[in-house]
PDB file of N, CA and C in Angstrom:
ATOM      1  N   MET A   1       0.824  -1.188   0.000  1.00  0.00           N
ATOM      2  CA  MET A   1       0.000   0.000   0.000  1.00  0.00           C
ATOM      3  C   MET A   1       0.872   1.257   0.000  1.00  0.00           C
ATOM      4  N   LEU A   2       2.044   1.139   0.603  1.00  0.00           N
ATOM      5  CA  LEU A   2       2.959   2.267   0.652  1.00  0.00           C
ATOM      6  C   LEU A   2       3.409   2.665  -0.756  1.00  0.00           C
ATOM      7  N   LEU A   3       3.670   1.661  -1.602  1.00  0.00           N
ATOM      8  CA  LEU A   3       4.081   1.967  -2.976  1.00  0.00           C
ATOM      9  C   LEU A   3       2.972   2.665  -3.752  1.00  0.00           C
ATOM     10  N   PHE A   4       1.732   2.273  -3.499  1.00  0.00           N
ATOM     11  CA  PHE A   4       0.613   2.926  -4.169  1.00  0.00           C
ATOM     12  C   PHE A   4       0.578   4.406  -3.842  1.00  0.00           C
ATOM     13  N   TYR A   5       0.720   4.727  -2.554  1.00  0.00           N
ATOM     14  CA  TYR A   5       0.710   6.132  -2.150  1.00  0.00           C
ATOM     15  C   TYR A   5       1.919   6.884  -2.697  1.00  0.00           C
ATOM     16  N   LEU A   6       3.054   6.213  -2.746  1.00  0.00           N
ATOM     17  CA  LEU A   6       4.249   6.840  -3.310  1.00  0.00           C
ATOM     18  C   LEU A   6       4.048   7.173  -4.790  1.00  0.00           C
ATOM     19  N   PHE A   7       3.515   6.221  -5.562  1.00  0.00           N
ATOM     20  CA  PHE A   7       3.236   6.478  -6.975  1.00  0.00           C
ATOM     21  C   PHE A   7       2.164   7.553  -7.146  1.00  0.00           C
ATOM     22  N   LEU A   8       1.183   7.563  -6.272  1.00  0.00           N
ATOM     23  CA  LEU A   8       0.141   8.582  -6.322  1.00  0.00           C
ATOM     24  C   LEU A   8       0.722   9.971  -6.062  1.00  0.00           C
ATOM     25  N   ILE A   9       1.591  10.090  -5.086  1.00  0.00           N
ATOM     26  CA  ILE A   9       2.231  11.376  -4.791  1.00  0.00           C
ATOM     27  C   ILE A   9       3.101  11.831  -5.948  1.00  0.00           C
ATOM     28  N   ILE A  10       3.853  10.912  -6.530  1.00  0.00           N
ATOM     29  CA  ILE A  10       4.702  11.260  -7.678  1.00  0.00           C
ATOM     30  C   ILE A  10       3.849  11.737  -8.841  1.00  0.00           C
ATOM     31  N   THR A  11       2.744  11.045  -9.109  1.00  0.00           N
ATOM     32  CA  THR A  11       1.867  11.415 -10.218  1.00  0.00           C
ATOM     33  C   THR A  11       1.221  12.778 -10.006  1.00  0.00           C
ATOM     34  N   VAL A  12       0.662  12.993  -8.831  1.00  0.00           N
ATOM     35  CA  VAL A  12       0.003  14.272  -8.549  1.00  0.00           C
ATOM     36  C   VAL A  12       1.011  15.412  -8.596  1.00  0.00           C
ATOM     37  N   THR A  13       2.190  15.204  -8.030  1.00  0.00           N
ATOM     38  CA  THR A  13       3.223  16.242  -8.043  1.00  0.00           C
ATOM     39  C   THR A  13       3.666  16.569  -9.459  1.00  0.00           C
ATOM     40  N   SER A  14       3.863  15.557 -10.280  1.00  0.00           N
ATOM     41  CA  SER A  14       4.315  15.819 -11.651  1.00  0.00           C
ATOM     42  C   SER A  14       3.227  16.507 -12.473  1.00  0.00           C
ATOM     43  N   ILE A  15       1.958  16.152 -12.255  1.00  0.00           N
ATOM     44  CA  ILE A  15       0.872  16.846 -12.958  1.00  0.00           C
ATOM     45  C   ILE A  15       0.806  18.302 -12.520  1.00  0.00           C
ATOM     46  N   PHE A  16       0.899  18.536 -11.208  1.00  0.00           N
ATOM     47  CA  PHE A  16       0.867  19.896 -10.686  1.00  0.00           C
ATOM     48  C   PHE A  16       2.020  20.736 -11.254  1.00  0.00           C
ATOM     49  N   LEU A  17       3.228  20.179 -11.247  1.00  0.00           N
ATOM     50  CA  LEU A  17       4.387  20.917 -11.760  1.00  0.00           C
ATOM     51  C   LEU A  17       4.320  21.121 -13.268  1.00  0.00           C
ATOM     52  N   ALA A  18       3.781  20.137 -13.985  1.00  0.00           N
ATOM     53  CA  ALA A  18       3.656  20.277 -15.441  1.00  0.00           C
ATOM     54  C   ALA A  18       2.700  21.407 -15.794  1.00  0.00           C
ATOM     55  N   ILE A  19       1.625  21.528 -15.034  1.00  0.00           N
ATOM     56  CA  ILE A  19       0.667  22.613 -15.289  1.00  0.00           C
ATOM     57  C   ILE A  19       1.243  23.958 -14.862  1.00  0.00           C
ATOM     58  N   LYS A  20       1.883  23.975 -13.700  1.00  0.00           N
ATOM     59  CA  LYS A  20       2.404  25.231 -13.159  1.00  0.00           C
ATOM     60  C   LYS A  20       3.568  25.780 -13.976  1.00  0.00           C
ATOM     61  N   LYS A  21       4.485  24.907 -14.386  1.00  0.00           N
ATOM     62  CA  LYS A  21       5.672  25.349 -15.107  1.00  0.00           C
ATOM     63  C   LYS A  21       5.534  25.269 -16.626  1.00  0.00           C
ATOM     64  N   GLN A  22       4.384  24.794 -17.102  1.00  0.00           N
ATOM     65  CA  GLN A  22       4.116  24.675 -18.544  1.00  0.00           C
ATOM     66  C   GLN A  22       5.159  23.799 -19.244  1.00  0.00           C
ATOM     67  N   LYS A  23       5.523  22.690 -18.599  1.00  0.00           N
ATOM     68  CA  LYS A  23       6.488  21.748 -19.173  1.00  0.00           C
ATOM     69  C   LYS A  23       5.851  20.363 -19.229  1.00  0.00           C
ATOM     70  N   PRO A  24       5.333  19.994 -20.387  1.00  0.00           N
ATOM     71  CA  PRO A  24       4.673  18.688 -20.491  1.00  0.00           C
ATOM     72  C   PRO A  24       5.631  17.502 -20.349  1.00  0.00           C
ATOM     73  N   VAL A  25       6.936  17.752 -20.419  1.00  0.00           N
ATOM     74  CA  VAL A  25       7.912  16.671 -20.248  1.00  0.00           C
ATOM     75  C   VAL A  25       7.808  16.067 -18.847  1.00  0.00           C
ATOM     76  N   LEU A  26       7.382  16.867 -17.887  1.00  0.00           N
ATOM     77  CA  LEU A  26       7.246  16.372 -16.519  1.00  0.00           C
ATOM     78  C   LEU A  26       6.180  15.285 -16.396  1.00  0.00           C
ATOM     79  N   LEU A  27       5.296  15.174 -17.377  1.00  0.00           N
ATOM     80  CA  LEU A  27       4.271  14.130 -17.339  1.00  0.00           C
ATOM     81  C   LEU A  27       4.850  12.737 -17.597  1.00  0.00           C
ATOM     82  N   SER A  28       6.085  12.675 -18.084  1.00  0.00           N
ATOM     83  CA  SER A  28       6.725  11.382 -18.310  1.00  0.00           C
ATOM     84  C   SER A  28       7.346  10.809 -17.037  1.00  0.00           C
ATOM     85  N   VAL A  29       7.425  11.596 -15.974  1.00  0.00           N
ATOM     86  CA  VAL A  29       8.028  11.130 -14.721  1.00  0.00           C
ATOM     87  C   VAL A  29       7.277   9.941 -14.120  1.00  0.00           C
ATOM     88  N   PRO A  30       5.939   9.967 -14.015  1.00  0.00           N
ATOM     89  CA  PRO A  30       5.266   8.778 -13.454  1.00  0.00           C
ATOM     90  C   PRO A  30       5.460   7.517 -14.303  1.00  0.00           C
ATOM     91  N   ILE A  31       5.492   7.672 -15.601  1.00  0.00           N
ATOM     92  CA  ILE A  31       5.708   6.517 -16.488  1.00  0.00           C
ATOM     93  C   ILE A  31       7.104   5.953 -16.291  1.00  0.00           C
ATOM     94  N   ALA A  32       8.091   6.844 -16.217  1.00  0.00           N
ATOM     95  CA  ALA A  32       9.467   6.405 -15.984  1.00  0.00           C
ATOM     96  C   ALA A  32       9.611   5.732 -14.624  1.00  0.00           C
ATOM     97  N   THR A  33       8.892   6.224 -13.643  1.00  0.00           N
ATOM     98  CA  THR A  33       8.930   5.626 -12.306  1.00  0.00           C
ATOM     99  C   THR A  33       8.361   4.207 -12.324  1.00  0.00           C
ATOM    100  N   LEU A  34       7.247   4.020 -13.006  1.00  0.00           N
ATOM    101  CA  LEU A  34       6.648   2.681 -13.086  1.00  0.00           C
ATOM    102  C   LEU A  34       7.533   1.706 -13.859  1.00  0.00           C
ATOM    103  N   ILE A  35       8.142   2.169 -14.932  1.00  0.00           N
ATOM    104  CA  ILE A  35       9.038   1.308 -15.708  1.00  0.00           C
ATOM    105  C   ILE A  35      10.246   0.916 -14.868  1.00  0.00           C
ATOM    106  N   THR A  36      10.803   1.882 -14.145  1.00  0.00           N
ATOM    107  CA  THR A  36      11.942   1.599 -13.275  1.00  0.00           C
ATOM    108  C   THR A  36      11.562   0.592 -12.192  1.00  0.00           C
ATOM    109  N   TYR A  37      10.390   0.759 -11.616  1.00  0.00           N
ATOM    110  CA  TYR A  37       9.919  -0.177 -10.596  1.00  0.00           C
ATOM    111  C   TYR A  37       9.782  -1.587 -11.173  1.00  0.00           C
ATOM    112  N   ALA A  38       9.239  -1.700 -12.371  1.00  0.00           N
ATOM    113  CA  ALA A  38       9.067  -3.017 -13.001  1.00  0.00           C
ATOM    114  C   ALA A  38      10.417  -3.680 -13.260  1.00  0.00           C
ATOM    115  N   VAL A  39      11.388  -2.914 -13.740  1.00  0.00           N
ATOM    116  CA  VAL A  39      12.713  -3.471 -14.013  1.00  0.00           C
ATOM    117  C   VAL A  39      13.378  -3.932 -12.717  1.00  0.00           C
ATOM    118  N   VAL A  40      13.240  -3.151 -11.659  1.00  0.00           N
ATOM    119  CA  VAL A  40      13.821  -3.538 -10.371  1.00  0.00           C
ATOM    120  C   VAL A  40      13.174  -4.810  -9.852  1.00  0.00           C
ATOM    121  N   GLU A  41      11.861  -4.916  -9.954  1.00  0.00           N
ATOM    122  CA  GLU A  41      11.177  -6.123  -9.488  1.00  0.00           C
ATOM    123  C   GLU A  41      11.594  -7.352 -10.302  1.00  0.00           C
ATOM    124  N   ILE A  42      11.781  -7.184 -11.593  1.00  0.00           N
ATOM    125  CA  ILE A  42      12.242  -8.303 -12.431  1.00  0.00           C
ATOM    126  C   ILE A  42      13.658  -8.681 -12.044  1.00  0.00           C
ATOM    127  N   ALA A  43      14.489  -7.694 -11.747  1.00  0.00           N
ATOM    128  CA  ALA A  43      15.879  -7.975 -11.384  1.00  0.00           C
ATOM    129  C   ALA A  43      15.983  -8.684 -10.041  1.00  0.00           C
ATOM    130  N   LEU A  44      14.993  -8.535  -9.179  1.00  0.00           N
ATOM    131  CA  LEU A  44      15.029  -9.191  -7.872  1.00  0.00           C
ATOM    132  C   LEU A  44      14.712 -10.687  -7.932  1.00  0.00           C
ATOM    133  N   VAL A  45      14.205 -11.155  -9.051  1.00  0.00           N
ATOM    134  CA  VAL A  45      13.916 -12.580  -9.215  1.00  0.00           C
ATOM    135  C   VAL A  45      15.247 -13.327  -9.262  1.00  0.00           C
ATOM    136  N   PRO A  46      15.395 -14.434  -8.531  1.00  0.00           N
ATOM    137  CA  PRO A  46      16.692 -15.116  -8.464  1.00  0.00           C
ATOM    138  C   PRO A  46      17.143 -15.781  -9.766  1.00  0.00           C
ATOM    139  N   ALA A  47      16.272 -15.931 -10.738  1.00  0.00           N
ATOM    140  CA  ALA A  47      16.651 -16.522 -12.019  1.00  0.00           C
ATOM    141  C   ALA A  47      17.409 -15.483 -12.853  1.00  0.00           C
ATOM    142  N   PRO A  48      18.146 -15.936 -13.877  1.00  0.00           N
ATOM    143  CA  PRO A  48      18.823 -14.967 -14.750  1.00  0.00           C
ATOM    144  C   PRO A  48      17.819 -13.997 -15.395  1.00  0.00           C
ATOM    145  N   PHE A  49      18.272 -12.782 -15.631  1.00  0.00           N
ATOM    146  CA  PHE A  49      17.394 -11.702 -16.088  1.00  0.00           C
ATOM    147  C   PHE A  49      16.693 -12.050 -17.404  1.00  0.00           C
ATOM    148  N   LEU A  50      17.451 -12.506 -18.401  1.00  0.00           N
ATOM    149  CA  LEU A  50      16.845 -12.794 -19.713  1.00  0.00           C
ATOM    150  C   LEU A  50      15.872 -13.970 -19.634  1.00  0.00           C
ATOM    151  N   ASP A  51      16.188 -14.965 -18.806  1.00  0.00           N
ATOM    152  CA  ASP A  51      15.254 -16.086 -18.639  1.00  0.00           C
ATOM    153  C   ASP A  51      13.952 -15.611 -17.998  1.00  0.00           C
ATOM    154  N   THR A  52      14.060 -14.694 -17.066  1.00  0.00           N
ATOM    155  CA  THR A  52      12.864 -14.147 -16.415  1.00  0.00           C
ATOM    156  C   THR A  52      12.013 -13.386 -17.421  1.00  0.00           C
ATOM    157  N   ILE A  53      12.654 -12.576 -18.257  1.00  0.00           N
ATOM    158  CA  ILE A  53      11.930 -11.821 -19.287  1.00  0.00           C
ATOM    159  C   ILE A  53      11.236 -12.782 -20.255  1.00  0.00           C
ATOM    160  N   LYS A  54      11.940 -13.815 -20.690  1.00  0.00           N
ATOM    161  CA  LYS A  54      11.332 -14.792 -21.609  1.00  0.00           C
ATOM    162  C   LYS A  54      10.139 -15.475 -20.954  1.00  0.00           C
ATOM    163  N   PHE A  55      10.272 -15.818 -19.663  1.00  0.00           N
ATOM    164  CA  PHE A  55       9.170 -16.461 -18.953  1.00  0.00           C
ATOM    165  C   PHE A  55       7.965 -15.546 -18.855  1.00  0.00           C
ATOM    166  N   ILE A  56       8.194 -14.286 -18.544  1.00  0.00           N
ATOM    167  CA  ILE A  56       7.082 -13.334 -18.404  1.00  0.00           C
ATOM    168  C   ILE A  56       6.315 -13.189 -19.718  1.00  0.00           C
ATOM    169  N   PHE A  57       7.049 -13.085 -20.831  1.00  0.00           N
ATOM    170  CA  PHE A  57       6.366 -12.900 -22.110  1.00  0.00           C
ATOM    171  C   PHE A  57       5.836 -14.188 -22.708  1.00  0.00           C
ATOM    172  N   SER A  58       6.222 -15.347 -22.149  1.00  0.00           N
ATOM    173  CA  SER A  58       5.666 -16.598 -22.656  1.00  0.00           C
ATOM    174  C   SER A  58       4.375 -16.985 -21.927  1.00  0.00           C
ATOM    175  N   LEU A  59       4.028 -16.280 -20.857  1.00  0.00           N
ATOM    176  CA  LEU A  59       2.780 -16.566 -20.138  1.00  0.00           C
ATOM    177  C   LEU A  59       1.576 -16.184 -20.996  1.00  0.00           C
ATOM    178  N   LYS A  60       0.552 -17.014 -20.932  1.00  0.00           N
ATOM    179  CA  LYS A  60      -0.649 -16.726 -21.712  1.00  0.00           C
ATOM    180  C   LYS A  60      -1.826 -16.615 -20.810  1.00  0.00           C
TER     181      LYS A  60
END
């Protein structure tokens, strides 16, 4: 639940700053945060990284 609130705070802050500073590039921060989180979680799996990626994409 803590991660949910952290992502929510990051998203709200980046939207607020993007509107206030007129920089739409700041809207990519939440997406980059989620991608980084996904890569870290995949890296924490004890199997080799490429095998883990292949397993994830072979699931149906």
